[in-house]
Amino acid sequence: MDLFNVTPSTASSSTLTVPTYVDASTGMTPNEVKHGVDETQGQLNTTASIAVQILNIESRLSNELNRLLFSPPVAYVYNPLNYAWETHGLFVTKYGNSKKQILFVGMNPGPWGMVQTGIPFGAARLVQDWLGIVGTVGHPPVEHPQRKVQGFQCPRTEVSGQRFWGFFRDICFTPENMFKNCFVYSYCPLSFMHTSGRNITPPELKSSDRQAIMELCDTSLGEIITVLKVDIVIGIGKFAEYRVRETVKKHSLNVTIGCILHPSPINPSANKGWKEAVLKSMQEMNILHIVRGDQQHQCT
């Protein structure tokens, strides 16, 4: 099977019914949450539910990042928290509205994953079929002609996302089991592209640009860790792990830090048994039972 060219299911190309999740403590949908936080200049309401607090943090971060300008070779910047806020909000509201033990932290959106769906590692088919999330996805203000956002109609799938969510589907069986104790967060919500359309990762950015991003994203990551009250934070790949360590140190957070191999096919090690390597890492960290959502290890 060509993992880069998977035809989406028939359902994904038809008219989609969008479920609306309303936060019980506020009566607000994710879009209403963003509207509200914009009006209050991003002030965090600590009496709101966990999902609303997360969305407030991300809305403020999104607004702050939107003000930044980037140096060449960056020619295009996509922010899924702008044009895919609806689906991202559904993800947070559905799966992030409770205390967690483990937070998995990715680096930034991939071109065929979160860029398309607004969900970390969000390959469209798995987002729809396993996570049960569909919705309306818009477009960034300026798009590369060869990297247009197609949302759930995107004919390509992200290998990283297929590996990542496929792994949790195989060991947890249901998303409810996984999200009993875990959540997934993207450290930086921006995707960067060259004039050619080539993906540019945060480590490839000019030093001053990277520093500006890290200052904002470290603060938001620290807040997310605090709001979720996690015990363990796991970086997906070395860049994310390093940012987790710096954030934890900067904010004096009392958490255990771990790392799993990044699933990107650009990473040669990930092409040599990624699933087996991650399974081994989780066994060594003694977290597999927590990730699977075993009954006796649910968060309270």
Protein backbone atom coordinates (compact mmCIF):
# COMPACT_ATOMS: atom_id res chain seq x y z
CA MET A 1 0.00 0.00 0.00
CA ASP A 2 1.23 3.48 -0.87
CA LEU A 3 0.93 5.29 2.46
CA PHE A 4 1.30 8.67 0.78
CA ASN A 5 -1.71 8.19 -1.50
CA VAL A 6 -4.63 6.62 0.29
CA THR A 7 -8.07 7.32 -1.12
CA PRO A 8 -10.41 8.59 1.59
CA SER A 9 -13.52 6.59 2.42
CA THR A 10 -16.76 7.36 0.63
CA ALA A 11 -18.17 8.96 3.76
CA SER A 12 -15.39 11.53 3.88
CA SER A 13 -16.23 12.82 0.42
CA SER A 14 -19.95 13.17 1.09
CA THR A 15 -21.80 15.75 3.14
CA LEU A 16 -20.65 15.46 6.73
CA THR A 17 -22.79 15.84 9.80
CA VAL A 18 -20.89 17.99 12.28
CA PRO A 19 -21.47 17.14 15.96
CA THR A 20 -21.47 20.15 18.26
CA TYR A 21 -19.97 19.65 21.69
CA VAL A 22 -21.04 22.18 24.30
CA ASP A 23 -19.00 22.68 27.44
CA ALA A 24 -21.18 21.79 30.41
CA SER A 25 -19.77 24.48 32.70
CA THR A 26 -20.23 27.36 30.25
CA GLY A 27 -22.79 26.22 27.70
CA MET A 28 -20.39 27.36 24.96
CA THR A 29 -19.31 25.62 21.78
CA PRO A 30 -15.59 25.77 20.76
CA ASN A 31 -16.30 28.63 18.33
CA GLU A 32 -18.05 30.59 21.07
CA VAL A 33 -15.09 29.95 23.36
CA LYS A 34 -12.71 31.48 20.83
CA HIS A 35 -15.00 34.46 20.28
CA GLY A 36 -15.13 35.03 24.01
CA VAL A 37 -11.39 34.81 24.57
CA ASP A 38 -10.73 37.26 21.74
CA GLU A 39 -12.91 39.81 23.48
CA THR A 40 -11.07 39.40 26.78
CA GLN A 41 -7.55 39.65 25.29
CA GLY A 42 -6.83 36.02 26.08
CA GLN A 43 -7.37 36.17 29.85
CA LEU A 44 -7.47 32.63 31.24
CA ASN A 45 -10.63 31.79 33.18
CA THR A 46 -9.45 29.30 35.79
CA THR A 47 -13.03 28.57 36.91
CA ALA A 48 -13.96 27.24 33.46
CA SER A 49 -13.81 23.56 32.56
CA ILE A 50 -10.49 22.02 31.55
CA ALA A 51 -11.44 21.96 27.84
CA VAL A 52 -12.39 25.64 27.86
CA GLN A 53 -9.14 26.54 29.62
CA ILE A 54 -7.16 24.63 26.98
CA LEU A 55 -9.02 26.35 24.17
CA ASN A 56 -8.46 29.73 25.80
CA ILE A 57 -4.71 29.07 26.02
CA GLU A 58 -4.57 27.94 22.40
CA SER A 59 -6.65 30.87 21.15
CA ARG A 60 -4.34 33.35 22.85
CA LEU A 61 -1.25 31.53 21.50
CA SER A 62 -2.72 31.52 18.01
CA ASN A 63 -3.36 35.27 18.14
CA GLU A 64 0.18 35.95 19.41
CA LEU A 65 1.80 33.78 16.74
CA ASN A 66 -0.27 35.45 14.02
CA ARG A 67 1.56 38.70 14.75
CA LEU A 68 5.02 37.24 14.01
CA LEU A 69 6.86 37.73 10.73
CA PHE A 70 9.25 35.06 9.45
CA SER A 71 12.47 35.23 7.47
CA PRO A 72 13.37 33.28 4.32
CA PRO A 73 13.31 30.44 3.48
CA VAL A 74 9.80 30.60 4.99
CA ALA A 75 7.40 31.73 2.26
CA TYR A 76 4.08 30.39 3.58
CA VAL A 77 2.73 30.00 7.12
CA TYR A 78 -0.41 27.98 7.86
CA ASN A 79 -2.15 28.20 11.24
CA PRO A 80 -4.77 25.43 11.62
CA LEU A 81 -5.99 27.03 14.86
CA ASN A 82 -7.35 29.79 12.61
CA TYR A 83 -8.98 27.95 9.72
CA ALA A 84 -9.60 24.54 11.39
CA TRP A 85 -10.67 25.83 14.80
CA GLU A 86 -14.02 24.03 14.60
CA THR A 87 -12.55 20.53 14.30
CA HIS A 88 -9.72 21.32 16.70
CA GLY A 89 -12.26 22.56 19.22
CA LEU A 90 -14.25 19.36 18.86
CA PHE A 91 -11.10 17.33 19.58
CA VAL A 92 -10.29 19.29 22.74
CA THR A 93 -13.87 19.38 23.98
CA LYS A 94 -14.47 15.69 23.31
CA TYR A 95 -11.18 14.29 24.61
CA GLY A 96 -9.46 16.98 26.70
CA ASN A 97 -12.09 17.89 29.26
CA SER A 98 -10.62 16.00 32.24
CA LYS A 99 -7.46 15.66 34.28
CA LYS A 100 -4.84 13.44 32.61
CA GLN A 101 -1.79 11.50 33.74
CA ILE A 102 0.16 11.68 30.48
CA LEU A 103 0.57 14.45 27.92
CA PHE A 104 2.10 13.58 24.53
CA VAL A 105 3.65 16.63 22.87
CA GLY A 106 4.28 16.80 19.13
CA MET A 107 6.42 19.39 17.34
CA ASN A 108 4.13 21.18 14.83
CA PRO A 109 1.52 20.37 12.15
CA GLY A 110 2.43 18.10 9.26
CA PRO A 111 1.25 19.07 5.74
CA TRP A 112 -1.12 16.11 5.37
CA GLY A 113 -2.18 15.83 9.01
CA MET A 114 -2.99 18.71 11.35
CA VAL A 115 -2.69 21.18 8.46
CA GLN A 116 -5.67 19.43 6.87
CA THR A 117 -7.82 18.55 9.89
CA GLY A 118 -6.72 20.71 12.84
CA ILE A 119 -5.95 17.61 14.93
CA PRO A 120 -2.37 16.72 16.03
CA PHE A 121 -1.04 13.99 13.72
CA GLY A 122 -4.52 14.21 12.18
CA ALA A 123 -4.56 12.01 9.09
CA ALA A 124 -8.10 12.58 7.81
CA ARG A 125 -9.30 8.99 7.68
CA LEU A 126 -8.20 8.15 11.22
CA VAL A 127 -9.55 11.43 12.60
CA GLN A 128 -12.92 10.63 11.10
CA ASP A 129 -13.09 6.85 11.51
CA TRP A 130 -11.32 6.33 14.84
CA LEU A 131 -11.51 9.64 16.69
CA GLY A 132 -15.01 10.23 15.36
CA ILE A 133 -14.43 13.87 14.48
CA VAL A 134 -15.55 15.61 11.30
CA GLY A 135 -16.26 19.22 10.58
CA THR A 136 -15.77 22.23 8.38
CA VAL A 137 -12.18 23.22 7.57
CA GLY A 138 -11.45 26.56 5.95
CA HIS A 139 -8.30 27.88 4.30
CA PRO A 140 -5.28 29.96 5.32
CA PRO A 141 -5.26 33.50 3.87
CA VAL A 142 -2.46 32.65 1.44
CA GLU A 143 -1.94 29.10 0.17
CA HIS A 144 0.82 27.49 -1.82
CA PRO A 145 -0.74 26.38 -5.14
CA GLN A 146 0.55 22.84 -4.61
CA ARG A 147 -0.28 22.65 -0.90
CA LYS A 148 -3.91 23.67 -0.72
CA VAL A 149 -5.90 22.71 2.36
CA GLN A 150 -8.55 20.17 1.39
CA GLY A 151 -9.66 19.15 4.86
CA PHE A 152 -11.38 15.78 5.07
CA GLN A 153 -11.36 15.52 1.28
CA CYS A 154 -7.56 15.46 1.20
CA PRO A 155 -6.57 12.49 -1.00
CA ARG A 156 -3.26 12.00 0.80
CA THR A 157 -2.64 10.77 4.30
CA GLU A 158 0.13 11.68 6.69
CA VAL A 159 2.40 8.73 7.41
CA SER A 160 3.25 10.16 10.83
CA GLY A 161 -0.44 10.39 11.69
CA GLN A 162 -1.23 6.96 10.34
CA ARG A 163 1.53 5.47 12.47
CA PHE A 164 0.74 7.53 15.57
CA TRP A 165 -3.04 7.10 15.80
CA GLY A 166 -2.82 3.62 14.31
CA PHE A 167 -0.57 2.62 17.22
CA PHE A 168 -3.04 3.85 19.83
CA ARG A 169 -5.94 2.26 17.98
CA ASP A 170 -4.13 -1.08 18.06
CA ILE A 171 -3.25 -1.03 21.76
CA CYS A 172 -6.21 0.92 23.19
CA PHE A 173 -8.95 -0.31 20.82
CA THR A 174 -11.13 2.74 21.47
CA PRO A 175 -10.20 6.44 21.77
CA GLU A 176 -12.12 6.52 25.05
CA ASN A 177 -9.62 4.07 26.54
CA MET A 178 -6.68 6.17 25.41
CA PHE A 179 -8.07 9.51 26.51
CA LYS A 180 -9.03 8.29 29.97
CA ASN A 181 -5.49 9.11 31.03
CA CYS A 182 -3.79 10.77 28.04
CA PHE A 183 -3.98 13.80 25.80
CA VAL A 184 -2.07 14.93 22.70
CA TYR A 185 -0.89 18.49 22.13
CA SER A 186 1.06 20.23 19.38
CA TYR A 187 3.85 22.39 20.80
CA CYS A 188 3.67 24.89 17.93
CA PRO A 189 0.46 25.14 15.87
CA LEU A 190 2.16 26.71 12.84
CA SER A 191 3.25 24.95 9.65
CA PHE A 192 6.00 26.52 7.53
CA MET A 193 6.71 26.07 3.84
CA HIS A 194 9.37 26.98 1.30
CA THR A 195 8.48 28.62 -2.02
CA SER A 196 8.74 25.10 -3.48
CA GLY A 197 6.11 23.84 -1.04
CA ARG A 198 8.69 21.88 0.95
CA ASN A 199 7.85 21.55 4.62
CA ILE A 200 10.12 23.54 6.97
CA THR A 201 10.36 22.27 10.55
CA PRO A 202 10.91 24.59 13.55
CA PRO A 203 14.57 23.50 13.98
CA GLU A 204 15.20 24.71 10.41
CA LEU A 205 13.95 28.24 11.09
CA LYS A 206 16.27 31.21 11.45
CA SER A 207 17.47 31.42 15.04
CA SER A 208 15.65 34.68 15.84
CA ASP A 209 12.39 33.32 14.41
CA ARG A 210 12.74 30.09 16.33
CA GLN A 211 13.42 32.00 19.55
CA ALA A 212 10.30 34.15 19.11
CA ILE A 213 8.17 31.04 18.65
CA MET A 214 9.69 29.18 21.59
CA GLU A 215 9.11 32.08 23.96
CA LEU A 216 5.37 31.97 23.22
CA CYS A 217 4.97 28.22 22.87
CA ASP A 218 6.92 27.40 26.04
CA THR A 219 4.55 29.59 28.05
CA SER A 220 1.46 27.93 26.59
CA LEU A 221 2.89 24.43 27.05
CA GLY A 222 3.55 25.18 30.71
CA GLU A 223 -0.05 26.32 31.11
CA ILE A 224 -1.41 23.23 29.35
CA ILE A 225 0.61 20.95 31.64
CA THR A 226 -0.72 22.82 34.67
CA VAL A 227 -4.35 22.81 33.54
CA LEU A 228 -4.32 19.07 32.77
CA LYS A 229 -2.47 18.32 36.05
CA VAL A 230 -0.39 15.67 34.29
CA ASP A 231 2.26 13.58 36.00
CA ILE A 232 4.19 12.59 32.86
CA VAL A 233 5.01 14.62 29.72
CA ILE A 234 6.35 12.74 26.72
CA GLY A 235 8.01 14.49 23.80
CA ILE A 236 7.34 12.92 20.42
CA GLY A 237 10.81 13.24 18.97
CA LYS A 238 13.91 14.99 20.31
CA PHE A 239 12.88 18.56 19.50
CA ALA A 240 9.61 18.22 21.42
CA GLU A 241 11.38 16.47 24.30
CA TYR A 242 13.91 19.30 24.57
CA ARG A 243 11.18 21.95 24.59
CA VAL A 244 9.34 19.99 27.29
CA ARG A 245 12.49 19.88 29.41
CA GLU A 246 13.13 23.60 28.97
CA THR A 247 9.52 24.45 29.77
CA VAL A 248 9.43 22.26 32.87
CA LYS A 249 12.65 23.82 34.11
CA LYS A 250 11.54 27.37 33.31
CA HIS A 251 8.21 26.98 35.10
CA SER A 252 9.44 24.70 37.92
CA LEU A 253 6.89 22.02 37.11
CA ASN A 254 6.92 18.74 39.00
CA VAL A 255 6.49 16.17 36.22
CA THR A 256 8.34 13.18 34.81
CA ILE A 257 9.69 13.67 31.29
CA GLY A 258 9.99 11.00 28.63
CA CYS A 259 10.46 10.64 24.89
CA ILE A 260 9.25 8.38 22.11
CA LEU A 261 10.56 8.10 18.57
CA HIS A 262 8.98 10.53 16.12
CA PRO A 263 6.92 8.61 13.54
CA SER A 264 7.95 10.73 10.54
CA PRO A 265 9.22 8.73 7.53
CA ILE A 266 11.97 11.36 7.25
CA ASN A 267 13.37 9.82 10.42
CA PRO A 268 15.27 6.68 9.28
CA SER A 269 14.81 5.00 12.66
CA ALA A 270 11.02 5.32 12.34
CA ASN A 271 11.11 3.25 9.16
CA LYS A 272 12.65 0.31 11.01
CA GLY A 273 9.83 -0.80 13.26
CA TRP A 274 8.41 2.40 14.77
CA LYS A 275 5.55 0.64 16.52
CA GLU A 276 7.87 -1.88 18.15
CA ALA A 277 10.28 0.87 19.24
CA VAL A 278 7.50 2.92 20.86
CA LEU A 279 6.03 -0.13 22.54
CA LYS A 280 9.44 -0.91 24.00
CA SER A 281 9.89 2.70 25.20
CA MET A 282 6.51 2.66 26.93
CA GLN A 283 7.29 -0.64 28.61
CA GLU A 284 10.61 0.73 29.84
CA MET A 285 8.83 3.84 31.19
CA ASN A 286 6.20 1.55 32.76
CA ILE A 287 3.34 3.56 31.26
CA LEU A 288 1.73 1.08 28.86
CA HIS A 289 -1.05 0.19 31.31
CA ILE A 290 -1.81 3.91 31.80
CA VAL A 291 -1.87 4.56 28.05
CA ARG A 292 -4.22 1.63 27.48
CA GLY A 293 -6.61 3.06 30.06
CA ASP A 294 -6.61 0.00 32.28
CA GLN A 295 -9.49 0.32 34.74
CA GLN A 296 -7.40 0.60 37.89
CA HIS A 297 -5.28 3.42 36.46
CA GLN A 298 -7.96 5.90 35.42
CA CYS A 299 -7.43 9.49 36.55
CA THR A 300 -9.59 10.77 39.37
